[in-house]
Amino acid sequence: MQNAVNTLMLVCATMASLAFGVLAAYWVCRVAFAGLRVHAGQVAAERAKAQISPISQA
Protein backbone atom coordinates (compact mmCIF):
# COMPACT_ATOMS: atom_id res chain seq x y z
CA MET A 1 0.00 0.00 0.00
CA GLN A 2 2.84 2.40 0.82
CA ASN A 3 4.34 1.74 -2.61
CA ALA A 4 1.08 2.76 -4.32
CA VAL A 5 0.90 5.97 -2.27
CA ASN A 6 4.51 6.80 -3.16
CA THR A 7 3.80 6.17 -6.83
CA LEU A 8 0.69 8.36 -6.70
CA MET A 9 2.65 11.16 -5.00
CA LEU A 10 5.38 10.89 -7.63
CA VAL A 11 2.83 11.09 -10.45
CA CYS A 12 1.13 14.09 -8.83
CA ALA A 13 4.46 15.87 -8.30
CA THR A 14 5.42 15.20 -11.93
CA MET A 15 2.12 16.57 -13.22
CA ALA A 16 2.36 19.63 -10.98
CA SER A 17 5.89 20.42 -12.15
CA LEU A 18 4.84 19.93 -15.78
CA ALA A 19 1.87 22.26 -15.29
CA PHE A 20 4.10 24.85 -13.63
CA GLY A 21 6.60 24.64 -16.51
CA VAL A 22 3.87 25.06 -19.12
CA LEU A 23 2.37 28.03 -17.30
CA ALA A 24 5.79 29.64 -16.83
CA ALA A 25 6.57 29.24 -20.53
CA TYR A 26 3.16 30.69 -21.39
CA TRP A 27 3.79 33.81 -19.31
CA VAL A 28 7.32 34.23 -20.68
CA CYS A 29 5.88 34.13 -24.22
CA ARG A 30 3.10 36.58 -23.32
CA VAL A 31 5.63 39.06 -21.91
CA ALA A 32 7.92 38.64 -24.92
CA PHE A 33 5.09 39.17 -27.42
CA ALA A 34 3.85 42.20 -25.48
CA GLY A 35 7.34 43.67 -25.76
CA LEU A 36 7.40 42.93 -29.48
CA ARG A 37 3.99 44.57 -29.87
CA VAL A 38 5.30 47.76 -28.24
CA HIS A 39 8.38 47.70 -30.45
CA ALA A 40 6.31 47.12 -33.59
CA GLY A 41 4.09 50.07 -32.66
CA GLN A 42 7.13 52.30 -32.29
CA VAL A 43 8.52 51.20 -35.64
CA ALA A 44 5.15 51.74 -37.33
CA ALA A 45 4.89 55.22 -35.82
CA GLU A 46 8.38 56.09 -37.07
CA ARG A 47 7.59 54.85 -40.56
CA ALA A 48 4.31 56.75 -40.67
CA LYS A 49 6.05 59.90 -39.48
CA ALA A 50 8.76 59.48 -42.13
CA GLN A 51 6.16 59.05 -44.90
CA ILE A 52 4.05 62.04 -43.82
CA SER A 53 6.82 64.57 -43.33
CA PRO A 54 7.30 66.73 -46.42
CA ILE A 55 10.55 66.65 -48.34
CA SER A 56 12.45 69.82 -47.73
CA GLN A 57 13.06 71.78 -50.90
CA ALA A 58 16.41 73.44 -51.23
PDB file of N, CA and C in Angstrom:
ATOM      1  N   MET A   1       0.818  -1.204   0.000  1.00  0.00           N
ATOM      2  CA  MET A   1       0.000   0.000   0.000  1.00  0.00           C
ATOM      3  C   MET A   1       0.859   1.264   0.000  1.00  0.00           C
ATOM      4  N   GLN A   2       1.943   1.243   0.759  1.00  0.00           N
ATOM      5  CA  GLN A   2       2.842   2.401   0.819  1.00  0.00           C
ATOM      6  C   GLN A   2       3.472   2.671  -0.551  1.00  0.00           C
ATOM      7  N   ASN A   3       3.750   1.598  -1.281  1.00  0.00           N
ATOM      8  CA  ASN A   3       4.337   1.744  -2.612  1.00  0.00           C
ATOM      9  C   ASN A   3       3.359   2.441  -3.559  1.00  0.00           C
ATOM     10  N   ALA A   4       2.090   2.129  -3.469  1.00  0.00           N
ATOM     11  CA  ALA A   4       1.082   2.764  -4.319  1.00  0.00           C
ATOM     12  C   ALA A   4       0.943   4.247  -3.977  1.00  0.00           C
ATOM     13  N   VAL A   5       0.991   4.572  -2.688  1.00  0.00           N
ATOM     14  CA  VAL A   5       0.901   5.973  -2.273  1.00  0.00           C
ATOM     15  C   VAL A   5       2.118   6.746  -2.768  1.00  0.00           C
ATOM     16  N   ASN A   6       3.293   6.138  -2.667  1.00  0.00           N
ATOM     17  CA  ASN A   6       4.508   6.799  -3.159  1.00  0.00           C
ATOM     18  C   ASN A   6       4.439   7.024  -4.669  1.00  0.00           C
ATOM     19  N   THR A   7       3.933   6.035  -5.386  1.00  0.00           N
ATOM     20  CA  THR A   7       3.798   6.173  -6.834  1.00  0.00           C
ATOM     21  C   THR A   7       2.806   7.281  -7.174  1.00  0.00           C
ATOM     22  N   LEU A   8       1.684   7.326  -6.465  1.00  0.00           N
ATOM     23  CA  LEU A   8       0.691   8.364  -6.696  1.00  0.00           C
ATOM     24  C   LEU A   8       1.269   9.748  -6.410  1.00  0.00           C
ATOM     25  N   MET A   9       2.017   9.873  -5.334  1.00  0.00           N
ATOM     26  CA  MET A   9       2.646  11.161  -4.999  1.00  0.00           C
ATOM     27  C   MET A   9       3.658  11.563  -6.065  1.00  0.00           C
ATOM     28  N   LEU A  10       4.406  10.593  -6.577  1.00  0.00           N
ATOM     29  CA  LEU A  10       5.380  10.888  -7.627  1.00  0.00           C
ATOM     30  C   LEU A  10       4.683  11.346  -8.904  1.00  0.00           C
ATOM     31  N   VAL A  11       3.588  10.693  -9.259  1.00  0.00           N
ATOM     32  CA  VAL A  11       2.831  11.087 -10.453  1.00  0.00           C
ATOM     33  C   VAL A  11       2.248  12.482 -10.265  1.00  0.00           C
ATOM     34  N   CYS A  12       1.700  12.758  -9.090  1.00  0.00           N
ATOM     35  CA  CYS A  12       1.126  14.087  -8.834  1.00  0.00           C
ATOM     36  C   CYS A  12       2.208  15.169  -8.865  1.00  0.00           C
ATOM     37  N   ALA A  13       3.362  14.895  -8.289  1.00  0.00           N
ATOM     38  CA  ALA A  13       4.457  15.870  -8.305  1.00  0.00           C
ATOM     39  C   ALA A  13       4.948  16.109  -9.729  1.00  0.00           C
ATOM     40  N   THR A  14       4.998  15.056 -10.531  1.00  0.00           N
ATOM     41  CA  THR A  14       5.420  15.197 -11.926  1.00  0.00           C
ATOM     42  C   THR A  14       4.432  16.051 -12.712  1.00  0.00           C
ATOM     43  N   MET A  15       3.151  15.782 -12.523  1.00  0.00           N
ATOM     44  CA  MET A  15       2.122  16.572 -13.223  1.00  0.00           C
ATOM     45  C   MET A  15       2.132  18.027 -12.775  1.00  0.00           C
ATOM     46  N   ALA A  16       2.331  18.258 -11.488  1.00  0.00           N
ATOM     47  CA  ALA A  16       2.365  19.631 -10.983  1.00  0.00           C
ATOM     48  C   ALA A  16       3.570  20.386 -11.546  1.00  0.00           C
ATOM     49  N   SER A  17       4.718  19.728 -11.607  1.00  0.00           N
ATOM     50  CA  SER A  17       5.886  20.416 -12.155  1.00  0.00           C
ATOM     51  C   SER A  17       5.730  20.660 -13.649  1.00  0.00           C
ATOM     52  N   LEU A  18       5.103  19.731 -14.351  1.00  0.00           N
ATOM     53  CA  LEU A  18       4.842  19.926 -15.776  1.00  0.00           C
ATOM     54  C   LEU A  18       3.880  21.092 -15.993  1.00  0.00           C
ATOM     55  N   ALA A  19       2.832  21.158 -15.183  1.00  0.00           N
ATOM     56  CA  ALA A  19       1.874  22.259 -15.293  1.00  0.00           C
ATOM     57  C   ALA A  19       2.544  23.595 -14.984  1.00  0.00           C
ATOM     58  N   PHE A  20       3.394  23.613 -13.960  1.00  0.00           N
ATOM     59  CA  PHE A  20       4.099  24.845 -13.635  1.00  0.00           C
ATOM     60  C   PHE A  20       5.014  25.273 -14.783  1.00  0.00           C
ATOM     61  N   GLY A  21       5.714  24.327 -15.386  1.00  0.00           N
ATOM     62  CA  GLY A  21       6.595  24.643 -16.509  1.00  0.00           C
ATOM     63  C   GLY A  21       5.831  25.190 -17.704  1.00  0.00           C
ATOM     64  N   VAL A  22       4.692  24.592 -17.994  1.00  0.00           N
ATOM     65  CA  VAL A  22       3.875  25.058 -19.117  1.00  0.00           C
ATOM     66  C   VAL A  22       3.358  26.469 -18.845  1.00  0.00           C
ATOM     67  N   LEU A  23       2.868  26.698 -17.625  1.00  0.00           N
ATOM     68  CA  LEU A  23       2.368  28.033 -17.295  1.00  0.00           C
ATOM     69  C   LEU A  23       3.489  29.073 -17.293  1.00  0.00           C
ATOM     70  N   ALA A  24       4.663  28.706 -16.814  1.00  0.00           N
ATOM     71  CA  ALA A  24       5.794  29.638 -16.827  1.00  0.00           C
ATOM     72  C   ALA A  24       6.193  29.981 -18.262  1.00  0.00           C
ATOM     73  N   ALA A  25       6.239  28.981 -19.128  1.00  0.00           N
ATOM     74  CA  ALA A  25       6.571  29.237 -20.532  1.00  0.00           C
ATOM     75  C   ALA A  25       5.510  30.112 -21.196  1.00  0.00           C
ATOM     76  N   TYR A  26       4.248  29.882 -20.854  1.00  0.00           N
ATOM     77  CA  TYR A  26       3.159  30.689 -21.394  1.00  0.00           C
ATOM     78  C   TYR A  26       3.341  32.161 -21.019  1.00  0.00           C
ATOM     79  N   TRP A  27       3.645  32.426 -19.746  1.00  0.00           N
ATOM     80  CA  TRP A  27       3.792  33.813 -19.307  1.00  0.00           C
ATOM     81  C   TRP A  27       5.039  34.452 -19.885  1.00  0.00           C
ATOM     82  N   VAL A  28       6.116  33.681 -20.047  1.00  0.00           N
ATOM     83  CA  VAL A  28       7.317  34.232 -20.684  1.00  0.00           C
ATOM     84  C   VAL A  28       6.995  34.636 -22.124  1.00  0.00           C
ATOM     85  N   CYS A  29       6.255  33.794 -22.835  1.00  0.00           N
ATOM     86  CA  CYS A  29       5.879  34.125 -24.217  1.00  0.00           C
ATOM     87  C   CYS A  29       4.951  35.328 -24.272  1.00  0.00           C
ATOM     88  N   ARG A  30       4.000  35.421 -23.344  1.00  0.00           N
ATOM     89  CA  ARG A  30       3.104  36.585 -23.322  1.00  0.00           C
ATOM     90  C   ARG A  30       3.872  37.876 -23.108  1.00  0.00           C
ATOM     91  N   VAL A  31       4.831  37.850 -22.177  1.00  0.00           N
ATOM     92  CA  VAL A  31       5.632  39.055 -21.909  1.00  0.00           C
ATOM     93  C   VAL A  31       6.485  39.401 -23.123  1.00  0.00           C
ATOM     94  N   ALA A  32       7.084  38.385 -23.748  1.00  0.00           N
ATOM     95  CA  ALA A  32       7.915  38.637 -24.922  1.00  0.00           C
ATOM     96  C   ALA A  32       7.091  39.218 -26.069  1.00  0.00           C
ATOM     97  N   PHE A  33       5.925  38.657 -26.330  1.00  0.00           N
ATOM     98  CA  PHE A  33       5.094  39.169 -27.423  1.00  0.00           C
ATOM     99  C   PHE A  33       4.538  40.554 -27.108  1.00  0.00           C
ATOM    100  N   ALA A  34       4.281  40.851 -25.841  1.00  0.00           N
ATOM    101  CA  ALA A  34       3.853  42.205 -25.483  1.00  0.00           C
ATOM    102  C   ALA A  34       4.975  43.200 -25.760  1.00  0.00           C
ATOM    103  N   GLY A  35       6.198  42.814 -25.445  1.00  0.00           N
ATOM    104  CA  GLY A  35       7.344  43.670 -25.757  1.00  0.00           C
ATOM    105  C   GLY A  35       7.509  43.865 -27.256  1.00  0.00           C
ATOM    106  N   LEU A  36       7.316  42.807 -28.023  1.00  0.00           N
ATOM    107  CA  LEU A  36       7.402  42.927 -29.480  1.00  0.00           C
ATOM    108  C   LEU A  36       6.290  43.807 -30.028  1.00  0.00           C
ATOM    109  N   ARG A  37       5.109  43.736 -29.423  1.00  0.00           N
ATOM    110  CA  ARG A  37       3.992  44.568 -29.874  1.00  0.00           C
ATOM    111  C   ARG A  37       4.308  46.042 -29.656  1.00  0.00           C
ATOM    112  N   VAL A  38       4.914  46.377 -28.515  1.00  0.00           N
ATOM    113  CA  VAL A  38       5.300  47.762 -28.236  1.00  0.00           C
ATOM    114  C   VAL A  38       6.356  48.209 -29.248  1.00  0.00           C
ATOM    115  N   HIS A  39       7.325  47.356 -29.498  1.00  0.00           N
ATOM    116  CA  HIS A  39       8.384  47.703 -30.447  1.00  0.00           C
ATOM    117  C   HIS A  39       7.810  47.890 -31.859  1.00  0.00           C
ATOM    118  N   ALA A  40       6.907  47.006 -32.258  1.00  0.00           N
ATOM    119  CA  ALA A  40       6.309  47.120 -33.587  1.00  0.00           C
ATOM    120  C   ALA A  40       5.498  48.415 -33.706  1.00  0.00           C
ATOM    121  N   GLY A  41       4.825  48.806 -32.640  1.00  0.00           N
ATOM    122  CA  GLY A  41       4.087  50.068 -32.660  1.00  0.00           C
ATOM    123  C   GLY A  41       5.008  51.257 -32.816  1.00  0.00           C
ATOM    124  N   GLN A  42       6.165  51.211 -32.157  1.00  0.00           N
ATOM    125  CA  GLN A  42       7.131  52.301 -32.290  1.00  0.00           C
ATOM    126  C   GLN A  42       7.692  52.371 -33.706  1.00  0.00           C
ATOM    127  N   VAL A  43       7.990  51.225 -34.280  1.00  0.00           N
ATOM    128  CA  VAL A  43       8.515  51.198 -35.644  1.00  0.00           C
ATOM    129  C   VAL A  43       7.464  51.699 -36.629  1.00  0.00           C
ATOM    130  N   ALA A  44       6.214  51.283 -36.448  1.00  0.00           N
ATOM    131  CA  ALA A  44       5.146  51.737 -37.333  1.00  0.00           C
ATOM    132  C   ALA A  44       4.948  53.243 -37.210  1.00  0.00           C
ATOM    133  N   ALA A  45       5.046  53.783 -36.006  1.00  0.00           N
ATOM    134  CA  ALA A  45       4.894  55.221 -35.823  1.00  0.00           C
ATOM    135  C   ALA A  45       6.034  55.974 -36.502  1.00  0.00           C
ATOM    136  N   GLU A  46       7.235  55.454 -36.402  1.00  0.00           N
ATOM    137  CA  GLU A  46       8.381  56.094 -37.067  1.00  0.00           C
ATOM    138  C   GLU A  46       8.225  56.067 -38.583  1.00  0.00           C
ATOM    139  N   ARG A  47       7.773  54.947 -39.107  1.00  0.00           N
ATOM    140  CA  ARG A  47       7.590  54.848 -40.565  1.00  0.00           C
ATOM    141  C   ARG A  47       6.489  55.780 -41.042  1.00  0.00           C
ATOM    142  N   ALA A  48       5.406  55.871 -40.282  1.00  0.00           N
ATOM    143  CA  ALA A  48       4.305  56.755 -40.665  1.00  0.00           C
ATOM    144  C   ALA A  48       4.764  58.205 -40.611  1.00  0.00           C
ATOM    145  N   LYS A  49       5.550  58.539 -39.610  1.00  0.00           N
ATOM    146  CA  LYS A  49       6.048  59.896 -39.484  1.00  0.00           C
ATOM    147  C   LYS A  49       7.004  60.233 -40.632  1.00  0.00           C
ATOM    148  N   ALA A  50       7.811  59.267 -41.036  1.00  0.00           N
ATOM    149  CA  ALA A  50       8.759  59.483 -42.127  1.00  0.00           C
ATOM    150  C   ALA A  50       8.016  59.645 -43.461  1.00  0.00           C
ATOM    151  N   GLN A  51       6.895  58.953 -43.637  1.00  0.00           N
ATOM    152  CA  GLN A  51       6.164  59.050 -44.902  1.00  0.00           C
ATOM    153  C   GLN A  51       5.354  60.338 -44.968  1.00  0.00           C
ATOM    154  N   ILE A  52       4.903  60.855 -43.838  1.00  0.00           N
ATOM    155  CA  ILE A  52       4.052  62.038 -43.822  1.00  0.00           C
ATOM    156  C   ILE A  52       4.876  63.317 -43.942  1.00  0.00           C
ATOM    157  N   SER A  53       6.051  63.327 -43.355  1.00  0.00           N
ATOM    158  CA  SER A  53       6.820  64.571 -43.335  1.00  0.00           C
ATOM    159  C   SER A  53       7.194  64.988 -44.763  1.00  0.00           C
ATOM    160  N   PRO A  54       7.004  66.264 -45.086  1.00  0.00           N
ATOM    161  CA  PRO A  54       7.304  66.733 -46.424  1.00  0.00           C
ATOM    162  C   PRO A  54       8.813  66.763 -46.687  1.00  0.00           C
ATOM    163  N   ILE A  55       9.143  66.588 -47.959  1.00  0.00           N
ATOM    164  CA  ILE A  55      10.550  66.651 -48.339  1.00  0.00           C
ATOM    165  C   ILE A  55      10.955  68.116 -48.412  1.00  0.00           C
ATOM    166  N   SER A  56      12.023  68.414 -47.727  1.00  0.00           N
ATOM    167  CA  SER A  56      12.453  69.823 -47.727  1.00  0.00           C
ATOM    168  C   SER A  56      13.019  70.190 -49.095  1.00  0.00           C
ATOM    169  N   GLN A  57      12.607  71.348 -49.585  1.00  0.00           N
ATOM    170  CA  GLN A  57      13.061  71.784 -50.901  1.00  0.00           C
ATOM    171  C   GLN A  57      14.158  72.811 -50.711  1.00  0.00           C
ATOM    172  N   ALA A  58      15.278  72.539 -51.355  1.00  0.00           N
ATOM    173  CA  ALA A  58      16.414  73.435 -51.233  1.00  0.00           C
ATOM    174  C   ALA A  58      16.544  74.360 -52.412  1.00  0.00           C
TER     175      ALA A  58
END
